[in-house]
Amino acid sequence: MKENQFKLGVPSDDGQVSFAFRQGGARKGAGRKAIGVTRKLSLTLPAKVWDELEAACAVLQCSRSEAIREIMEAYFHHQREA
């Protein structure tokens, strides 16, 4: 790749750094739409629970974040219904 064939943009409103080749570039509104507010979370679980989560993710072909989000949404939905 030749020098100056890509550019690094200033972080936008959502805090993401833009990276693009010289022609074109990042476009506002392009890409996957957000499904909610992103917050970082550190979670401590027993090894057995992590193993079960990883196994479920492999079967369901989803990320840990997706699986945990589904578990939490189901829990809160169940609590509202009770």
PDB file of N, CA and C in Angstrom:
ATOM      1  N   MET A   1       0.853  -1.173   0.000  1.00  0.00           N
ATOM      2  CA  MET A   1       0.000   0.000   0.000  1.00  0.00           C
ATOM      3  C   MET A   1       0.896   1.233   0.000  1.00  0.00           C
ATOM      4  N   LYS A   2       0.616   2.166  -0.864  1.00  0.00           N
ATOM      5  CA  LYS A   2       1.406   3.384  -0.956  1.00  0.00           C
ATOM      6  C   LYS A   2       1.102   4.316   0.200  1.00  0.00           C
ATOM      7  N   GLU A   3       2.046   5.180   0.474  1.00  0.00           N
ATOM      8  CA  GLU A   3       1.880   6.170   1.531  1.00  0.00           C
ATOM      9  C   GLU A   3       0.691   7.078   1.215  1.00  0.00           C
ATOM     10  N   ASN A   4      -0.042   7.476   2.233  1.00  0.00           N
ATOM     11  CA  ASN A   4      -1.187   8.392   2.121  1.00  0.00           C
ATOM     12  C   ASN A   4      -2.379   7.798   1.376  1.00  0.00           C
ATOM     13  N   GLN A   5      -2.512   6.473   1.356  1.00  0.00           N
ATOM     14  CA  GLN A   5      -3.674   5.880   0.697  1.00  0.00           C
ATOM     15  C   GLN A   5      -4.836   5.658   1.658  1.00  0.00           C
ATOM     16  N   PHE A   6      -4.643   5.956   2.909  1.00  0.00           N
ATOM     17  CA  PHE A   6      -5.748   5.854   3.852  1.00  0.00           C
ATOM     18  C   PHE A   6      -5.688   7.017   4.816  1.00  0.00           C
ATOM     19  N   LYS A   7      -6.801   7.263   5.477  1.00  0.00           N
ATOM     20  CA  LYS A   7      -6.856   8.364   6.433  1.00  0.00           C
ATOM     21  C   LYS A   7      -7.543   7.891   7.709  1.00  0.00           C
ATOM     22  N   LEU A   8      -7.191   8.516   8.790  1.00  0.00           N
ATOM     23  CA  LEU A   8      -7.775   8.216  10.090  1.00  0.00           C
ATOM     24  C   LEU A   8      -8.565   9.436  10.509  1.00  0.00           C
ATOM     25  N   GLY A   9      -9.862   9.266  10.716  1.00  0.00           N
ATOM     26  CA  GLY A   9     -10.723  10.401  11.026  1.00  0.00           C
ATOM     27  C   GLY A   9     -10.819  10.683  12.507  1.00  0.00           C
ATOM     28  N   VAL A  10     -11.270  11.867  12.813  1.00  0.00           N
ATOM     29  CA  VAL A  10     -11.502  12.293  14.190  1.00  0.00           C
ATOM     30  C   VAL A  10     -12.718  11.544  14.722  1.00  0.00           C
ATOM     31  N   PRO A  11     -12.686  11.098  15.984  1.00  0.00           N
ATOM     32  CA  PRO A  11     -13.845  10.387  16.525  1.00  0.00           C
ATOM     33  C   PRO A  11     -15.127  11.198  16.347  1.00  0.00           C
ATOM     34  N   SER A  12     -16.174  10.502  15.947  1.00  0.00           N
ATOM     35  CA  SER A  12     -17.460  11.166  15.725  1.00  0.00           C
ATOM     36  C   SER A  12     -18.268  11.188  17.015  1.00  0.00           C
ATOM     37  N   ASP A  13     -19.524  11.546  16.907  1.00  0.00           N
ATOM     38  CA  ASP A  13     -20.403  11.661  18.076  1.00  0.00           C
ATOM     39  C   ASP A  13     -20.447  10.390  18.909  1.00  0.00           C
ATOM     40  N   ASP A  14     -20.411   9.229  18.248  1.00  0.00           N
ATOM     41  CA  ASP A  14     -20.542   7.974  18.986  1.00  0.00           C
ATOM     42  C   ASP A  14     -19.216   7.469  19.531  1.00  0.00           C
ATOM     43  N   GLY A  15     -18.123   8.232  19.352  1.00  0.00           N
ATOM     44  CA  GLY A  15     -16.835   7.862  19.919  1.00  0.00           C
ATOM     45  C   GLY A  15     -16.048   6.875  19.085  1.00  0.00           C
ATOM     46  N   GLN A  16     -16.522   6.556  17.893  1.00  0.00           N
ATOM     47  CA  GLN A  16     -15.825   5.607  17.040  1.00  0.00           C
ATOM     48  C   GLN A  16     -14.829   6.340  16.149  1.00  0.00           C
ATOM     49  N   VAL A  17     -13.663   5.751  15.992  1.00  0.00           N
ATOM     50  CA  VAL A  17     -12.645   6.331  15.127  1.00  0.00           C
ATOM     51  C   VAL A  17     -12.946   5.909  13.696  1.00  0.00           C
ATOM     52  N   SER A  18     -12.884   6.846  12.771  1.00  0.00           N
ATOM     53  CA  SER A  18     -13.139   6.558  11.364  1.00  0.00           C
ATOM     54  C   SER A  18     -11.839   6.173  10.680  1.00  0.00           C
ATOM     55  N   PHE A  19     -11.873   5.108   9.892  1.00  0.00           N
ATOM     56  CA  PHE A  19     -10.722   4.668   9.116  1.00  0.00           C
ATOM     57  C   PHE A  19     -11.215   4.422   7.710  1.00  0.00           C
ATOM     58  N   ALA A  20     -10.596   5.032   6.738  1.00  0.00           N
ATOM     59  CA  ALA A  20     -11.066   4.874   5.370  1.00  0.00           C
ATOM     60  C   ALA A  20      -9.916   5.049   4.401  1.00  0.00           C
ATOM     61  N   PHE A  21     -10.085   4.479   3.220  1.00  0.00           N
ATOM     62  CA  PHE A  21      -9.120   4.698   2.163  1.00  0.00           C
ATOM     63  C   PHE A  21      -9.322   6.101   1.606  1.00  0.00           C
ATOM     64  N   ARG A  22      -8.362   6.614   0.878  1.00  0.00           N
ATOM     65  CA  ARG A  22      -8.364   8.003   0.419  1.00  0.00           C
ATOM     66  C   ARG A  22      -9.633   8.374  -0.332  1.00  0.00           C
ATOM     67  N   GLN A  23     -10.109   7.533  -1.211  1.00  0.00           N
ATOM     68  CA  GLN A  23     -11.326   7.874  -1.939  1.00  0.00           C
ATOM     69  C   GLN A  23     -12.525   7.438  -1.117  1.00  0.00           C
ATOM     70  N   GLY A  24     -13.552   8.229  -1.126  1.00  0.00           N
ATOM     71  CA  GLY A  24     -14.725   7.912  -0.323  1.00  0.00           C
ATOM     72  C   GLY A  24     -14.467   8.259   1.127  1.00  0.00           C
ATOM     73  N   GLY A  25     -14.995   7.476   2.006  1.00  0.00           N
ATOM     74  CA  GLY A  25     -14.770   7.717   3.421  1.00  0.00           C
ATOM     75  C   GLY A  25     -15.969   7.332   4.248  1.00  0.00           C
ATOM     76  N   ALA A  26     -15.828   7.544   5.525  1.00  0.00           N
ATOM     77  CA  ALA A  26     -16.923   7.220   6.441  1.00  0.00           C
ATOM     78  C   ALA A  26     -18.110   8.130   6.154  1.00  0.00           C
ATOM     79  N   ARG A  27     -19.285   7.536   6.143  1.00  0.00           N
ATOM     80  CA  ARG A  27     -20.493   8.305   5.888  1.00  0.00           C
ATOM     81  C   ARG A  27     -21.387   8.228   7.113  1.00  0.00           C
ATOM     82  N   LYS A  28     -21.887   9.353   7.542  1.00  0.00           N
ATOM     83  CA  LYS A  28     -22.786   9.391   8.693  1.00  0.00           C
ATOM     84  C   LYS A  28     -24.023   8.561   8.376  1.00  0.00           C
ATOM     85  N   GLY A  29     -24.395   7.689   9.288  1.00  0.00           N
ATOM     86  CA  GLY A  29     -25.565   6.846   9.099  1.00  0.00           C
ATOM     87  C   GLY A  29     -25.279   5.519   8.427  1.00  0.00           C
ATOM     88  N   ALA A  30     -24.045   5.319   7.951  1.00  0.00           N
ATOM     89  CA  ALA A  30     -23.701   4.062   7.301  1.00  0.00           C
ATOM     90  C   ALA A  30     -23.343   3.024   8.361  1.00  0.00           C
ATOM     91  N   GLY A  31     -23.507   1.767   8.033  1.00  0.00           N
ATOM     92  CA  GLY A  31     -23.117   0.696   8.942  1.00  0.00           C
ATOM     93  C   GLY A  31     -24.278   0.162   9.761  1.00  0.00           C
ATOM     94  N   ARG A  32     -23.938  -0.788  10.625  1.00  0.00           N
ATOM     95  CA  ARG A  32     -24.942  -1.428  11.472  1.00  0.00           C
ATOM     96  C   ARG A  32     -25.522  -0.431  12.467  1.00  0.00           C
ATOM     97  N   LYS A  33     -26.825  -0.448  12.612  1.00  0.00           N
ATOM     98  CA  LYS A  33     -27.493   0.460  13.540  1.00  0.00           C
ATOM     99  C   LYS A  33     -27.358  -0.064  14.965  1.00  0.00           C
ATOM    100  N   ALA A  34     -27.233   0.845  15.908  1.00  0.00           N
ATOM    101  CA  ALA A  34     -27.101   0.480  17.317  1.00  0.00           C
ATOM    102  C   ALA A  34     -28.407  -0.125  17.822  1.00  0.00           C
ATOM    103  N   ILE A  35     -28.282  -1.094  18.738  1.00  0.00           N
ATOM    104  CA  ILE A  35     -29.481  -1.696  19.321  1.00  0.00           C
ATOM    105  C   ILE A  35     -29.728  -1.177  20.725  1.00  0.00           C
ATOM    106  N   GLY A  36     -28.842  -0.350  21.219  1.00  0.00           N
ATOM    107  CA  GLY A  36     -29.001   0.201  22.559  1.00  0.00           C
ATOM    108  C   GLY A  36     -27.756   0.948  22.980  1.00  0.00           C
ATOM    109  N   VAL A  37     -27.700   1.271  24.257  1.00  0.00           N
ATOM    110  CA  VAL A  37     -26.558   1.983  24.826  1.00  0.00           C
ATOM    111  C   VAL A  37     -25.482   0.964  25.173  1.00  0.00           C
ATOM    112  N   THR A  38     -24.250   1.227  24.774  1.00  0.00           N
ATOM    113  CA  THR A  38     -23.145   0.326  25.079  1.00  0.00           C
ATOM    114  C   THR A  38     -22.463   0.764  26.357  1.00  0.00           C
ATOM    115  N   ARG A  39     -22.355  -0.165  27.284  1.00  0.00           N
ATOM    116  CA  ARG A  39     -21.622   0.056  28.528  1.00  0.00           C
ATOM    117  C   ARG A  39     -20.731  -1.147  28.757  1.00  0.00           C
ATOM    118  N   LYS A  40     -19.523  -0.904  29.202  1.00  0.00           N
ATOM    119  CA  LYS A  40     -18.587  -1.985  29.485  1.00  0.00           C
ATOM    120  C   LYS A  40     -18.929  -2.590  30.838  1.00  0.00           C
ATOM    121  N   LEU A  41     -18.799  -3.902  30.932  1.00  0.00           N
ATOM    122  CA  LEU A  41     -19.158  -4.612  32.143  1.00  0.00           C
ATOM    123  C   LEU A  41     -18.149  -5.723  32.380  1.00  0.00           C
ATOM    124  N   SER A  42     -17.662  -5.815  33.587  1.00  0.00           N
ATOM    125  CA  SER A  42     -16.781  -6.914  33.974  1.00  0.00           C
ATOM    126  C   SER A  42     -17.622  -7.904  34.760  1.00  0.00           C
ATOM    127  N   LEU A  43     -17.587  -9.160  34.355  1.00  0.00           N
ATOM    128  CA  LEU A  43     -18.460 -10.162  34.941  1.00  0.00           C
ATOM    129  C   LEU A  43     -17.637 -11.342  35.428  1.00  0.00           C
ATOM    130  N   THR A  44     -17.773 -11.685  36.699  1.00  0.00           N
ATOM    131  CA  THR A  44     -17.074 -12.828  37.271  1.00  0.00           C
ATOM    132  C   THR A  44     -18.074 -13.959  37.463  1.00  0.00           C
ATOM    133  N   LEU A  45     -17.788 -15.090  36.821  1.00  0.00           N
ATOM    134  CA  LEU A  45     -18.642 -16.268  36.914  1.00  0.00           C
ATOM    135  C   LEU A  45     -17.772 -17.494  37.162  1.00  0.00           C
ATOM    136  N   PRO A  46     -18.339 -18.540  37.754  1.00  0.00           N
ATOM    137  CA  PRO A  46     -17.580 -19.786  37.904  1.00  0.00           C
ATOM    138  C   PRO A  46     -17.205 -20.347  36.527  1.00  0.00           C
ATOM    139  N   ALA A  47     -16.111 -21.069  36.469  1.00  0.00           N
ATOM    140  CA  ALA A  47     -15.628 -21.632  35.203  1.00  0.00           C
ATOM    141  C   ALA A  47     -16.700 -22.480  34.524  1.00  0.00           C
ATOM    142  N   LYS A  48     -17.464 -23.234  35.305  1.00  0.00           N
ATOM    143  CA  LYS A  48     -18.514 -24.083  34.738  1.00  0.00           C
ATOM    144  C   LYS A  48     -19.558 -23.245  33.993  1.00  0.00           C
ATOM    145  N   VAL A  49     -19.917 -22.101  34.550  1.00  0.00           N
ATOM    146  CA  VAL A  49     -20.914 -21.234  33.904  1.00  0.00           C
ATOM    147  C   VAL A  49     -20.344 -20.658  32.611  1.00  0.00           C
ATOM    148  N   TRP A  50     -19.069 -20.240  32.629  1.00  0.00           N
ATOM    149  CA  TRP A  50     -18.437 -19.738  31.405  1.00  0.00           C
ATOM    150  C   TRP A  50     -18.430 -20.828  30.337  1.00  0.00           C
ATOM    151  N   ASP A  51     -18.113 -22.066  30.743  1.00  0.00           N
ATOM    152  CA  ASP A  51     -18.094 -23.178  29.787  1.00  0.00           C
ATOM    153  C   ASP A  51     -19.477 -23.408  29.188  1.00  0.00           C
ATOM    154  N   GLU A  52     -20.512 -23.350  30.030  1.00  0.00           N
ATOM    155  CA  GLU A  52     -21.880 -23.523  29.538  1.00  0.00           C
ATOM    156  C   GLU A  52     -22.272 -22.394  28.583  1.00  0.00           C
ATOM    157  N   LEU A  53     -21.858 -21.179  28.916  1.00  0.00           N
ATOM    158  CA  LEU A  53     -22.147 -20.034  28.054  1.00  0.00           C
ATOM    159  C   LEU A  53     -21.455 -20.191  26.703  1.00  0.00           C
ATOM    160  N   GLU A  54     -20.184 -20.575  26.726  1.00  0.00           N
ATOM    161  CA  GLU A  54     -19.436 -20.773  25.477  1.00  0.00           C
ATOM    162  C   GLU A  54     -20.069 -21.877  24.628  1.00  0.00           C
ATOM    163  N   ALA A  55     -20.499 -22.966  25.270  1.00  0.00           N
ATOM    164  CA  ALA A  55     -21.131 -24.066  24.540  1.00  0.00           C
ATOM    165  C   ALA A  55     -22.443 -23.605  23.905  1.00  0.00           C
ATOM    166  N   ALA A  56     -23.231 -22.852  24.665  1.00  0.00           N
ATOM    167  CA  ALA A  56     -24.497 -22.342  24.128  1.00  0.00           C
ATOM    168  C   ALA A  56     -24.248 -21.401  22.952  1.00  0.00           C
ATOM    169  N   CYS A  57     -23.239 -20.563  23.064  1.00  0.00           N
ATOM    170  CA  CYS A  57     -22.911 -19.627  21.978  1.00  0.00           C
ATOM    171  C   CYS A  57     -22.487 -20.377  20.722  1.00  0.00           C
ATOM    172  N   ALA A  58     -21.752 -21.465  20.892  1.00  0.00           N
ATOM    173  CA  ALA A  58     -21.320 -22.257  19.737  1.00  0.00           C
ATOM    174  C   ALA A  58     -22.524 -22.882  19.038  1.00  0.00           C
ATOM    175  N   VAL A  59     -23.450 -23.422  19.807  1.00  0.00           N
ATOM    176  CA  VAL A  59     -24.644 -24.052  19.238  1.00  0.00           C
ATOM    177  C   VAL A  59     -25.532 -23.007  18.564  1.00  0.00           C
ATOM    178  N   LEU A  60     -25.736 -21.879  19.235  1.00  0.00           N
ATOM    179  CA  LEU A  60     -26.624 -20.833  18.721  1.00  0.00           C
ATOM    180  C   LEU A  60     -25.951 -19.915  17.706  1.00  0.00           C
ATOM    181  N   GLN A  61     -24.637 -20.081  17.564  1.00  0.00           N
ATOM    182  CA  GLN A  61     -23.835 -19.241  16.669  1.00  0.00           C
ATOM    183  C   GLN A  61     -24.061 -17.761  16.963  1.00  0.00           C
ATOM    184  N   CYS A  62     -23.822 -17.404  18.224  1.00  0.00           N
ATOM    185  CA  CYS A  62     -23.961 -16.013  18.630  1.00  0.00           C
ATOM    186  C   CYS A  62     -22.794 -15.642  19.538  1.00  0.00           C
ATOM    187  N   SER A  63     -22.630 -14.369  19.773  1.00  0.00           N
ATOM    188  CA  SER A  63     -21.559 -13.894  20.648  1.00  0.00           C
ATOM    189  C   SER A  63     -21.980 -14.022  22.107  1.00  0.00           C
ATOM    190  N   ARG A  64     -21.011 -13.928  23.004  1.00  0.00           N
ATOM    191  CA  ARG A  64     -21.325 -13.927  24.437  1.00  0.00           C
ATOM    192  C   ARG A  64     -22.250 -12.763  24.764  1.00  0.00           C
ATOM    193  N   SER A  65     -21.973 -11.605  24.169  1.00  0.00           N
ATOM    194  CA  SER A  65     -22.813 -10.429  24.430  1.00  0.00           C
ATOM    195  C   SER A  65     -24.260 -10.687  24.030  1.00  0.00           C
ATOM    196  N   GLU A  66     -24.449 -11.289  22.861  1.00  0.00           N
ATOM    197  CA  GLU A  66     -25.813 -11.587  22.408  1.00  0.00           C
ATOM    198  C   GLU A  66     -26.505 -12.559  23.358  1.00  0.00           C
ATOM    199  N   ALA A  67     -25.792 -13.599  23.772  1.00  0.00           N
ATOM    200  CA  ALA A  67     -26.381 -14.597  24.663  1.00  0.00           C
ATOM    201  C   ALA A  67     -26.743 -13.984  26.011  1.00  0.00           C
ATOM    202  N   ILE A  68     -25.829 -13.218  26.583  1.00  0.00           N
ATOM    203  CA  ILE A  68     -26.092 -12.590  27.882  1.00  0.00           C
ATOM    204  C   ILE A  68     -27.243 -11.596  27.773  1.00  0.00           C
ATOM    205  N   ARG A  69     -27.294 -10.843  26.670  1.00  0.00           N
ATOM    206  CA  ARG A  69     -28.396  -9.896  26.459  1.00  0.00           C
ATOM    207  C   ARG A  69     -29.733 -10.641  26.410  1.00  0.00           C
ATOM    208  N   GLU A  70     -29.784 -11.756  25.675  1.00  0.00           N
ATOM    209  CA  GLU A  70     -31.018 -12.549  25.584  1.00  0.00           C
ATOM    210  C   GLU A  70     -31.425 -13.098  26.948  1.00  0.00           C
ATOM    211  N   ILE A  71     -30.452 -13.593  27.714  1.00  0.00           N
ATOM    212  CA  ILE A  71     -30.737 -14.125  29.052  1.00  0.00           C
ATOM    213  C   ILE A  71     -31.322 -13.032  29.941  1.00  0.00           C
ATOM    214  N   MET A  72     -30.701 -11.854  29.920  1.00  0.00           N
ATOM    215  CA  MET A  72     -31.169 -10.754  30.766  1.00  0.00           C
ATOM    216  C   MET A  72     -32.546 -10.264  30.338  1.00  0.00           C
ATOM    217  N   GLU A  73     -32.767 -10.143  29.029  1.00  0.00           N
ATOM    218  CA  GLU A  73     -34.077  -9.699  28.550  1.00  0.00           C
ATOM    219  C   GLU A  73     -35.163 -10.697  28.934  1.00  0.00           C
ATOM    220  N   ALA A  74     -34.868 -12.000  28.823  1.00  0.00           N
ATOM    221  CA  ALA A  74     -35.841 -13.023  29.207  1.00  0.00           C
ATOM    222  C   ALA A  74     -36.129 -12.957  30.703  1.00  0.00           C
ATOM    223  N   TYR A  75     -35.096 -12.746  31.505  1.00  0.00           N
ATOM    224  CA  TYR A  75     -35.270 -12.649  32.956  1.00  0.00           C
ATOM    225  C   TYR A  75     -36.169 -11.466  33.311  1.00  0.00           C
ATOM    226  N   PHE A  76     -35.867 -10.297  32.760  1.00  0.00           N
ATOM    227  CA  PHE A  76     -36.662  -9.109  33.086  1.00  0.00           C
ATOM    228  C   PHE A  76     -38.090  -9.225  32.557  1.00  0.00           C
ATOM    229  N   HIS A  77     -38.264  -9.840  31.397  1.00  0.00           N
ATOM    230  CA  HIS A  77     -39.609 -10.071  30.865  1.00  0.00           C
ATOM    231  C   HIS A  77     -40.388 -10.980  31.816  1.00  0.00           C
ATOM    232  N   HIS A  78     -39.742 -12.039  32.288  1.00  0.00           N
ATOM    233  CA  HIS A  78     -40.380 -12.971  33.223  1.00  0.00           C
ATOM    234  C   HIS A  78     -40.751 -12.257  34.521  1.00  0.00           C
ATOM    235  N   GLN A  79     -39.889 -11.382  35.005  1.00  0.00           N
ATOM    236  CA  GLN A  79     -40.160 -10.641  36.242  1.00  0.00           C
ATOM    237  C   GLN A  79     -41.368  -9.723  36.085  1.00  0.00           C
ATOM    238  N   ARG A  80     -41.507  -9.098  34.917  1.00  0.00           N
ATOM    239  CA  ARG A  80     -42.651  -8.211  34.672  1.00  0.00           C
ATOM    240  C   ARG A  80     -43.955  -8.999  34.615  1.00  0.00           C
ATOM    241  N   GLU A  81     -43.886 -10.210  34.073  1.00  0.00           N
ATOM    242  CA  GLU A  81     -45.079 -11.043  33.918  1.00  0.00           C
ATOM    243  C   GLU A  81     -45.514 -11.671  35.235  1.00  0.00           C
ATOM    244  N   ALA A  82     -44.597 -11.812  36.178  1.00  0.00           N
ATOM    245  CA  ALA A  82     -44.911 -12.483  37.462  1.00  0.00           C
ATOM    246  C   ALA A  82     -45.701 -11.592  38.389  1.00  0.00           C
TER     247      ALA A  82
END
